[in-house]
Amino acid sequence: MSDGTTSGTGVSRRKFLVSSAAIGAAGIAGCSSNASSDGESSGDLLTAEGSSTVYPISNKGSSYWNANAPPSDGEYWGSNDENTVPGWDKIDTDQKLADYFAGLYGFEATDERSNPPYNTTVSLSHSGTGCKAVRDGLVDIGNSSGPITAELGLSDSEAEEQFVDHVVGRDGQPVVVSSDIYDGGVQQLTGEQVRQIYQDEITNWSEVGGPDKEIFVIGRAEGSGTDTAFRLNMLGGADAPMPGVDSRFGQNQQVAEAVSNNDGAIAYMALAFTSDTVQPIGIDFEGTLYEPDKDAENTIFDSEYPLNRDLHMYTKITEDTPSGTDKREGAFLNMFLTDFGQIVFVEQNNYIPLPTSDLEAEAEKLPDQG
C-alpha cells in the first residue's frame, strides 16, 4: 500500500509553510535524509495544529517521538533497574522509541537518539483553526476537542467523505469555580443551574447557595472545541446563545489563570488544567450527581457523564491518499493507541483512556503496517 505522501513530481501532498527557524530546529534535531523502505524521505516533517485541549497529549507524544529514547532509558522508554515505562510489557523491543513505531510502517531506523526517522511538530491554536488547517492542506493532523462537523459546519456525510476522525482519548469536561466560591459552599450545581448562569438567568452566587457575590462568567473563545462541545452538550446546540458570559479566553491555560485570579468565577475547560485554585465541581444531571472524584459512584470520568467528549486528531482524504491517513501519520497515531500511549500521553495528562474496544476500532482506521 502506498502511503501517498509523494507524487511523481516529488512534491509532498501537504503544502507546508515552514519558517527558516523551524528548518533550523529540524536540522538541530538531526533530520535524516535517508529513504525509508517504502520510498518516503525519512526527513519529512509531520505537522499538527489545533486544540489547546488536545495539545498536552499531542505535544507530549511529539516530544517523546523526537527524542527517540533508547530502550535502556527506563523513564521515557524501555526499562532499567530504576524505572520501567508503563505499557512496556506489551512492547519489549530493542529499538529506540520512534524507530520502533515508525519501523512498524516500514521506515528505516536511524538508531540515533534525538534523530527519529522523521520529526514531528505540534502547534497550539484552536480546534476550529486546526480543522481548517488540515482541510486546507497546511498541516498533516488537525487537533480538535470538538467534532469537525460543528467546527467547519459540515454534515456527517461530508465529514466522512473528506476526513478520518482519529479519537485518541476523552475529556470529562468539568465546570470549575474559583477557590473562594468552592470554599464558600458551592461544590456542586445542577445542569439546569449551569445553563441558567450562562444564559444570564442566574447572576449572583447567593441564588445557588453560595456567598452574596456577583458571578463572573468565563467562556472559551468562539471557534474553540471546548466552547463548541460545551454548547452542544450543555445548551443543546453549537450555536446556542450564552448572554451571561462576561469574558472569553482563547486557551485553557488562559481560562485557568482567569479563574485563579478572579473571585466569584465560573468556567468550563479541559480536565487537564484544573488545580487547587481552579476547582472542578460536581454536576447533577436529572438526579444523577457526577463528581470530580474517580472513586465516586458516578464521576466526570465516566463515559455517561453528559459533558464527556472525544479528543480528535483529524487527517484528510486526498487523491493521493484515498484512505485518508498516510504511513507517517499512521505510525505517529498508532503510538497513542497502545497501552504505553494511553497511560503516558492520555492518562498522565488527566484525560480518560479509551476502552479496549474503542482502541481496536481506532486501529482499524490506520494504514496496514509493514
Protein backbone atom coordinates (compact mmCIF):
# COMPACT_ATOMS: atom_id res chain seq x y z
CA MET A 1 0.00 0.00 0.00
CA SER A 2 1.44 3.37 -0.97
CA ASP A 3 1.48 5.95 1.81
CA GLY A 4 0.70 8.67 -0.73
CA THR A 5 2.96 11.35 0.68
CA THR A 6 4.83 11.94 -2.58
CA SER A 7 3.69 12.22 -6.17
CA GLY A 8 5.51 11.59 -9.40
CA THR A 9 6.83 15.16 -9.29
CA GLY A 10 8.35 14.59 -5.87
CA VAL A 11 6.14 17.24 -4.29
CA SER A 12 4.62 16.50 -0.88
CA ARG A 13 0.86 16.09 -0.84
CA ARG A 14 0.81 18.58 2.01
CA LYS A 15 1.77 22.20 1.41
CA PHE A 16 3.82 23.30 4.38
CA LEU A 17 4.63 26.84 5.43
CA VAL A 18 7.89 26.26 7.29
CA SER A 19 9.93 29.18 8.59
CA SER A 20 13.71 29.23 8.41
CA ALA A 21 13.73 28.90 12.20
CA ALA A 22 11.69 25.71 12.02
CA ILE A 23 14.02 24.34 9.34
CA GLY A 24 16.97 25.14 11.54
CA ALA A 25 15.35 23.42 14.50
CA ALA A 26 14.75 20.34 12.39
CA GLY A 27 18.39 20.36 11.40
CA ILE A 28 19.49 20.61 15.01
CA ALA A 29 17.19 17.70 15.86
CA GLY A 30 19.06 15.65 13.28
CA CYS A 31 16.59 15.07 10.46
CA SER A 32 17.93 12.30 8.30
CA SER A 33 17.71 12.33 4.51
CA ASN A 34 17.75 8.53 4.29
CA ALA A 35 14.91 6.92 2.37
CA SER A 36 12.58 4.54 4.18
CA SER A 37 11.73 1.12 2.84
CA ASP A 38 8.54 2.44 1.22
CA GLY A 39 10.39 5.16 -0.68
CA GLU A 40 9.40 8.10 1.54
CA SER A 41 12.09 10.50 2.67
CA SER A 42 12.75 9.98 6.37
CA GLY A 43 13.47 13.70 6.63
CA ASP A 44 9.81 14.64 6.06
CA LEU A 45 8.30 16.73 8.84
CA LEU A 46 4.95 15.61 10.25
CA THR A 47 2.92 18.64 11.38
CA ALA A 48 -0.10 19.04 13.63
CA GLU A 49 -2.02 22.05 14.91
CA GLY A 50 -5.14 22.92 16.85
CA SER A 51 -6.92 22.48 20.16
CA SER A 52 -5.28 23.53 23.43
CA THR A 53 -7.18 20.63 25.00
CA VAL A 54 -5.59 18.01 22.73
CA TYR A 55 -2.24 19.83 22.82
CA PRO A 56 -0.94 18.20 26.06
CA ILE A 57 -1.47 14.75 24.52
CA SER A 58 -0.20 15.54 21.04
CA ASN A 59 2.75 17.67 22.08
CA LYS A 60 3.99 15.25 24.72
CA GLY A 61 3.81 12.47 22.15
CA SER A 62 5.74 14.62 19.68
CA SER A 63 8.43 15.38 22.28
CA TYR A 64 8.88 11.70 23.07
CA TRP A 65 8.97 10.85 19.37
CA ASN A 66 11.63 13.43 18.52
CA ALA A 67 13.81 12.38 21.46
CA ASN A 68 13.85 8.78 20.13
CA ALA A 69 14.96 7.46 23.52
CA PRO A 70 16.70 4.07 23.76
CA PRO A 71 15.08 1.07 25.47
CA SER A 72 17.62 1.36 28.29
CA ASP A 73 16.21 4.78 29.28
CA GLY A 74 13.55 3.44 31.64
CA GLU A 75 11.91 6.81 32.31
CA TYR A 76 10.71 7.77 28.83
CA TRP A 77 11.09 4.46 27.01
CA GLY A 78 12.07 0.91 27.90
CA SER A 79 13.27 -0.38 31.23
CA ASN A 80 16.25 -0.32 33.55
CA ASP A 81 16.97 -1.18 37.19
CA GLU A 82 15.29 2.01 38.42
CA ASN A 83 12.30 2.55 36.11
CA THR A 84 10.06 0.83 33.61
CA VAL A 85 7.87 2.78 31.22
CA PRO A 86 4.14 1.96 31.62
CA GLY A 87 2.95 -0.47 28.97
CA TRP A 88 6.46 -1.68 28.24
CA ASP A 89 5.45 -5.29 28.91
CA LYS A 90 3.27 -5.11 25.77
CA ILE A 91 6.14 -3.77 23.62
CA ASP A 92 9.58 -5.09 24.70
CA THR A 93 11.77 -4.10 21.76
CA ASP A 94 15.49 -3.39 21.41
CA GLN A 95 14.75 -0.36 19.20
CA LYS A 96 14.55 3.29 20.15
CA LEU A 97 11.08 4.79 20.58
CA ALA A 98 10.41 6.45 17.20
CA ASP A 99 12.49 3.82 15.40
CA TYR A 100 10.11 1.19 16.78
CA PHE A 101 6.80 2.86 15.95
CA ALA A 102 7.99 4.14 12.56
CA GLY A 103 9.50 0.74 11.81
CA LEU A 104 6.09 -0.90 12.11
CA TYR A 105 5.16 1.11 9.00
CA GLY A 106 8.32 0.35 7.01
CA PHE A 107 10.53 3.29 7.93
CA GLU A 108 14.25 2.70 8.33
CA ALA A 109 15.59 3.09 11.86
CA THR A 110 18.25 5.73 12.49
CA ASP A 111 19.39 4.08 15.72
CA GLU A 112 20.32 7.55 16.96
CA ARG A 113 18.91 9.38 19.94
CA SER A 114 17.21 12.71 19.03
CA ASN A 115 17.19 11.62 15.39
CA PRO A 116 13.91 9.84 14.60
CA PRO A 117 13.10 8.52 11.11
CA TYR A 118 11.16 11.78 10.66
CA ASN A 119 10.48 14.67 13.00
CA THR A 120 7.11 15.83 14.33
CA THR A 121 5.92 19.25 15.45
CA VAL A 122 2.70 20.39 17.13
CA SER A 123 1.43 24.00 17.08
CA LEU A 124 -1.04 25.43 19.58
CA SER A 125 -4.14 27.26 18.35
CA HIS A 126 -7.86 26.40 18.43
CA SER A 127 -9.93 23.41 17.35
CA GLY A 128 -11.52 25.40 14.53
CA THR A 129 -8.12 26.60 13.37
CA GLY A 130 -6.72 23.07 13.43
CA CYS A 131 -9.68 21.74 11.45
CA LYS A 132 -9.30 24.48 8.84
CA ALA A 133 -5.54 23.90 8.63
CA VAL A 134 -5.92 20.19 7.88
CA ARG A 135 -8.75 20.96 5.45
CA ASP A 136 -6.54 23.42 3.57
CA GLY A 137 -3.52 21.10 3.49
CA LEU A 138 -1.41 23.30 5.77
CA VAL A 139 -0.82 20.53 8.31
CA ASP A 140 -1.00 16.75 8.36
CA ILE A 141 -3.10 16.45 11.52
CA GLY A 142 -5.78 18.79 12.84
CA ASN A 143 -6.25 18.52 16.61
CA SER A 144 -9.76 19.25 17.86
CA SER A 145 -11.73 18.82 21.06
CA GLY A 146 -14.97 19.41 19.16
CA PRO A 147 -16.37 17.42 16.23
CA ILE A 148 -15.21 18.69 12.84
CA THR A 149 -18.84 18.78 11.74
CA ALA A 150 -19.51 21.57 14.21
CA GLU A 151 -16.15 23.31 13.72
CA LEU A 152 -16.49 23.52 9.91
CA GLY A 153 -20.27 23.39 9.56
CA LEU A 154 -20.30 20.04 7.78
CA SER A 155 -22.85 17.24 7.68
CA ASP A 156 -21.78 13.83 8.95
CA SER A 157 -21.59 12.50 5.39
CA GLU A 158 -19.50 15.48 4.20
CA ALA A 159 -17.06 14.98 7.07
CA GLU A 160 -16.73 11.26 6.37
CA GLU A 161 -16.02 11.96 2.70
CA GLN A 162 -13.24 14.44 3.49
CA PHE A 163 -11.57 13.40 6.75
CA VAL A 164 -10.67 10.50 9.00
CA ASP A 165 -11.51 11.07 12.66
CA HIS A 166 -8.85 9.54 14.92
CA VAL A 167 -10.01 9.61 18.56
CA VAL A 168 -7.05 9.30 20.93
CA GLY A 169 -8.69 9.87 24.31
CA ARG A 170 -11.58 11.54 26.13
CA ASP A 171 -12.03 14.53 28.38
CA GLY A 172 -14.52 14.63 31.23
CA GLN A 173 -15.03 18.36 30.62
CA PRO A 174 -15.54 19.91 34.06
CA VAL A 175 -17.24 23.06 35.23
CA VAL A 176 -14.87 24.88 37.58
CA VAL A 177 -15.19 27.70 40.12
CA SER A 178 -12.71 29.96 41.86
CA SER A 179 -11.46 28.85 45.26
CA ASP A 180 -13.45 31.49 47.16
CA ILE A 181 -16.69 30.11 45.73
CA TYR A 182 -15.69 26.49 46.29
CA ASP A 183 -14.70 27.26 49.90
CA GLY A 184 -17.92 29.29 50.23
CA GLY A 185 -20.01 26.16 49.79
CA VAL A 186 -20.64 25.81 46.05
CA GLN A 187 -19.15 22.39 45.37
CA GLN A 188 -21.92 21.18 43.09
CA LEU A 189 -24.59 22.62 40.80
CA THR A 190 -27.36 21.15 38.71
CA GLY A 191 -27.06 21.12 34.95
CA GLU A 192 -30.02 23.49 34.81
CA GLN A 193 -28.30 25.96 37.17
CA VAL A 194 -25.19 25.96 34.97
CA ARG A 195 -27.35 26.59 31.93
CA GLN A 196 -29.11 29.48 33.69
CA ILE A 197 -25.80 31.05 34.71
CA TYR A 198 -24.51 31.01 31.14
CA GLN A 199 -27.79 32.30 29.77
CA ASP A 200 -27.84 35.22 32.25
CA GLU A 201 -30.80 33.94 34.27
CA ILE A 202 -28.75 33.48 37.48
CA THR A 203 -26.29 36.28 38.21
CA ASN A 204 -25.41 36.02 41.93
CA TRP A 205 -23.90 33.07 43.81
CA SER A 206 -26.44 33.53 46.62
CA GLU A 207 -29.10 32.21 44.22
CA VAL A 208 -27.42 28.78 44.24
CA GLY A 209 -26.44 28.56 47.91
CA GLY A 210 -23.19 30.48 47.74
CA PRO A 211 -21.99 33.84 49.06
CA ASP A 212 -23.65 37.12 48.10
CA LYS A 213 -21.31 37.80 45.24
CA GLU A 214 -21.85 38.57 41.57
CA ILE A 215 -20.96 35.67 39.27
CA PHE A 216 -18.01 36.33 36.94
CA VAL A 217 -18.85 34.09 33.98
CA ILE A 218 -15.93 32.94 31.85
CA GLY A 219 -16.23 31.31 28.43
CA ARG A 220 -13.84 29.97 25.83
CA ALA A 221 -13.31 31.80 22.56
CA GLU A 222 -15.75 31.01 19.79
CA GLY A 223 -14.09 28.52 17.46
CA SER A 224 -12.64 26.64 20.41
CA GLY A 225 -13.61 22.98 20.52
CA THR A 226 -14.15 23.33 24.26
CA ASP A 227 -16.69 26.06 23.59
CA THR A 228 -18.36 24.04 20.84
CA ALA A 229 -18.58 20.91 23.00
CA PHE A 230 -19.95 22.83 25.98
CA ARG A 231 -22.69 24.47 23.92
CA LEU A 232 -23.60 21.18 22.27
CA ASN A 233 -23.72 19.14 25.46
CA MET A 234 -24.93 21.71 27.99
CA LEU A 235 -27.01 24.14 25.96
CA GLY A 236 -28.27 21.88 23.18
CA GLY A 237 -26.59 23.35 20.10
CA ALA A 238 -23.21 24.53 18.80
CA ASP A 239 -24.67 28.00 18.18
CA ALA A 240 -26.68 28.26 21.42
CA PRO A 241 -26.51 31.81 22.84
CA MET A 242 -24.58 32.50 26.05
CA PRO A 243 -25.51 36.06 27.01
CA GLY A 244 -24.25 35.56 30.57
CA VAL A 245 -20.57 35.36 29.56
CA ASP A 246 -18.50 38.28 30.89
CA SER A 247 -15.16 37.39 29.34
CA ARG A 248 -13.79 34.87 26.82
CA PHE A 249 -10.32 33.39 26.53
CA GLY A 250 -8.68 31.53 23.68
CA GLN A 251 -6.89 28.75 25.53
CA ASN A 252 -7.42 26.51 28.54
CA GLN A 253 -4.28 27.93 30.15
CA GLN A 254 -5.75 31.43 29.99
CA VAL A 255 -9.07 30.25 31.43
CA ALA A 256 -7.29 28.59 34.35
CA GLU A 257 -5.35 31.78 35.07
CA ALA A 258 -8.51 33.90 34.90
CA VAL A 259 -10.35 31.63 37.36
CA SER A 260 -7.37 31.70 39.73
CA ASN A 261 -7.12 35.48 39.63
CA ASN A 262 -10.80 36.45 39.90
CA ASP A 263 -13.19 35.96 42.80
CA GLY A 264 -16.68 34.69 42.02
CA ALA A 265 -15.59 32.99 38.82
CA ILE A 266 -17.09 30.04 36.95
CA ALA A 267 -15.78 28.47 33.75
CA TYR A 268 -15.75 25.34 31.60
CA MET A 269 -12.44 23.91 30.49
CA ALA A 270 -10.39 20.78 29.91
CA LEU A 271 -9.83 18.49 32.87
CA ALA A 272 -6.05 18.59 32.48
CA PHE A 273 -5.93 22.25 33.53
CA THR A 274 -7.76 22.03 36.89
CA SER A 275 -5.89 22.71 40.14
CA ASP A 276 -6.32 23.68 43.79
CA THR A 277 -7.25 27.22 42.71
CA VAL A 278 -9.36 26.05 39.75
CA GLN A 279 -11.72 23.61 41.43
CA PRO A 280 -13.93 21.23 39.41
CA ILE A 281 -17.39 20.85 40.92
CA GLY A 282 -19.99 18.11 40.81
CA ILE A 283 -22.86 18.45 38.34
CA ASP A 284 -26.29 16.94 38.99
CA PHE A 285 -27.98 15.94 35.75
CA GLU A 286 -31.59 14.92 36.35
CA GLY A 287 -30.90 13.37 39.74
CA THR A 288 -27.52 11.79 38.99
CA LEU A 289 -24.58 13.62 40.59
CA TYR A 290 -21.32 13.33 38.63
CA GLU A 291 -18.40 14.15 40.90
CA PRO A 292 -14.76 15.08 40.10
CA ASP A 293 -13.59 12.01 42.02
CA LYS A 294 -12.58 8.78 40.30
CA ASP A 295 -13.74 6.79 43.35
CA ALA A 296 -17.27 8.25 43.42
CA GLU A 297 -20.29 6.20 42.34
CA ASN A 298 -20.77 8.48 39.33
CA THR A 299 -17.81 10.54 38.18
CA ILE A 300 -16.95 13.05 35.48
CA PHE A 301 -14.53 10.38 34.23
CA ASP A 302 -17.44 8.11 33.26
CA SER A 303 -18.45 7.84 29.60
CA GLU A 304 -22.04 8.52 30.79
CA TYR A 305 -21.10 11.98 32.05
CA PRO A 306 -23.04 14.34 29.74
CA LEU A 307 -20.06 16.69 29.20
CA ASN A 308 -17.71 13.84 28.31
CA ARG A 309 -16.22 14.41 24.84
CA ASP A 310 -13.86 12.76 22.38
CA LEU A 311 -10.43 14.22 21.66
CA HIS A 312 -9.75 14.14 17.92
CA MET A 313 -6.77 14.11 15.58
CA TYR A 314 -8.13 14.54 12.05
CA THR A 315 -6.37 13.58 8.82
CA LYS A 316 -7.51 14.49 5.31
CA ILE A 317 -8.65 12.23 2.48
CA THR A 318 -6.89 13.21 -0.75
CA GLU A 319 -6.47 11.82 -4.25
CA ASP A 320 -3.01 10.60 -3.32
CA THR A 321 -4.23 9.13 -0.01
CA PRO A 322 -7.78 7.85 -0.50
CA SER A 323 -7.67 6.06 2.86
CA GLY A 324 -7.13 9.46 4.47
CA THR A 325 -4.07 8.54 6.55
CA ASP A 326 -0.55 8.05 5.23
CA LYS A 327 2.08 5.89 6.87
CA ARG A 328 3.85 8.76 8.62
CA GLU A 329 0.57 9.78 10.22
CA GLY A 330 -0.33 6.15 10.89
CA ALA A 331 2.91 5.43 12.73
CA PHE A 332 2.56 8.53 14.90
CA LEU A 333 -1.14 7.98 15.66
CA ASN A 334 -0.58 4.30 16.43
CA MET A 335 1.75 5.30 19.27
CA PHE A 336 -1.20 6.92 21.09
CA LEU A 337 -3.36 3.80 20.71
CA THR A 338 -1.01 1.49 22.64
CA ASP A 339 -1.12 0.86 26.39
CA PHE A 340 2.06 2.94 26.60
CA GLY A 341 0.47 5.85 24.74
CA GLN A 342 -2.81 5.76 26.62
CA ILE A 343 -1.09 5.82 30.00
CA VAL A 344 1.78 8.23 29.30
CA PHE A 345 0.10 10.69 26.91
CA VAL A 346 -3.58 10.44 27.88
CA GLU A 347 -3.99 9.31 31.49
CA GLN A 348 -0.90 11.09 32.82
CA ASN A 349 -2.36 14.32 31.41
CA ASN A 350 -5.51 13.70 33.49
CA TYR A 351 -7.59 12.63 30.49
CA ILE A 352 -9.59 9.44 30.06
CA PRO A 353 -8.03 6.44 28.26
CA LEU A 354 -10.09 4.67 25.62
CA PRO A 355 -11.56 1.24 26.37
CA THR A 356 -10.10 -1.73 24.52
CA SER A 357 -12.99 -1.96 22.06
CA ASP A 358 -12.51 1.69 21.05
CA LEU A 359 -8.75 1.25 20.70
CA GLU A 360 -9.34 -1.67 18.36
CA ALA A 361 -11.82 0.36 16.30
CA GLU A 362 -9.37 3.28 16.06
CA ALA A 363 -6.55 0.95 14.98
CA GLU A 364 -8.72 -0.21 12.07
CA LYS A 365 -8.61 3.35 10.67
CA LEU A 366 -4.81 3.25 10.30
CA PRO A 367 -2.87 2.06 7.23
CA ASP A 368 -1.63 -1.50 7.11
CA GLN A 369 1.65 -1.96 8.93
CA GLY A 370 4.77 -3.08 7.11
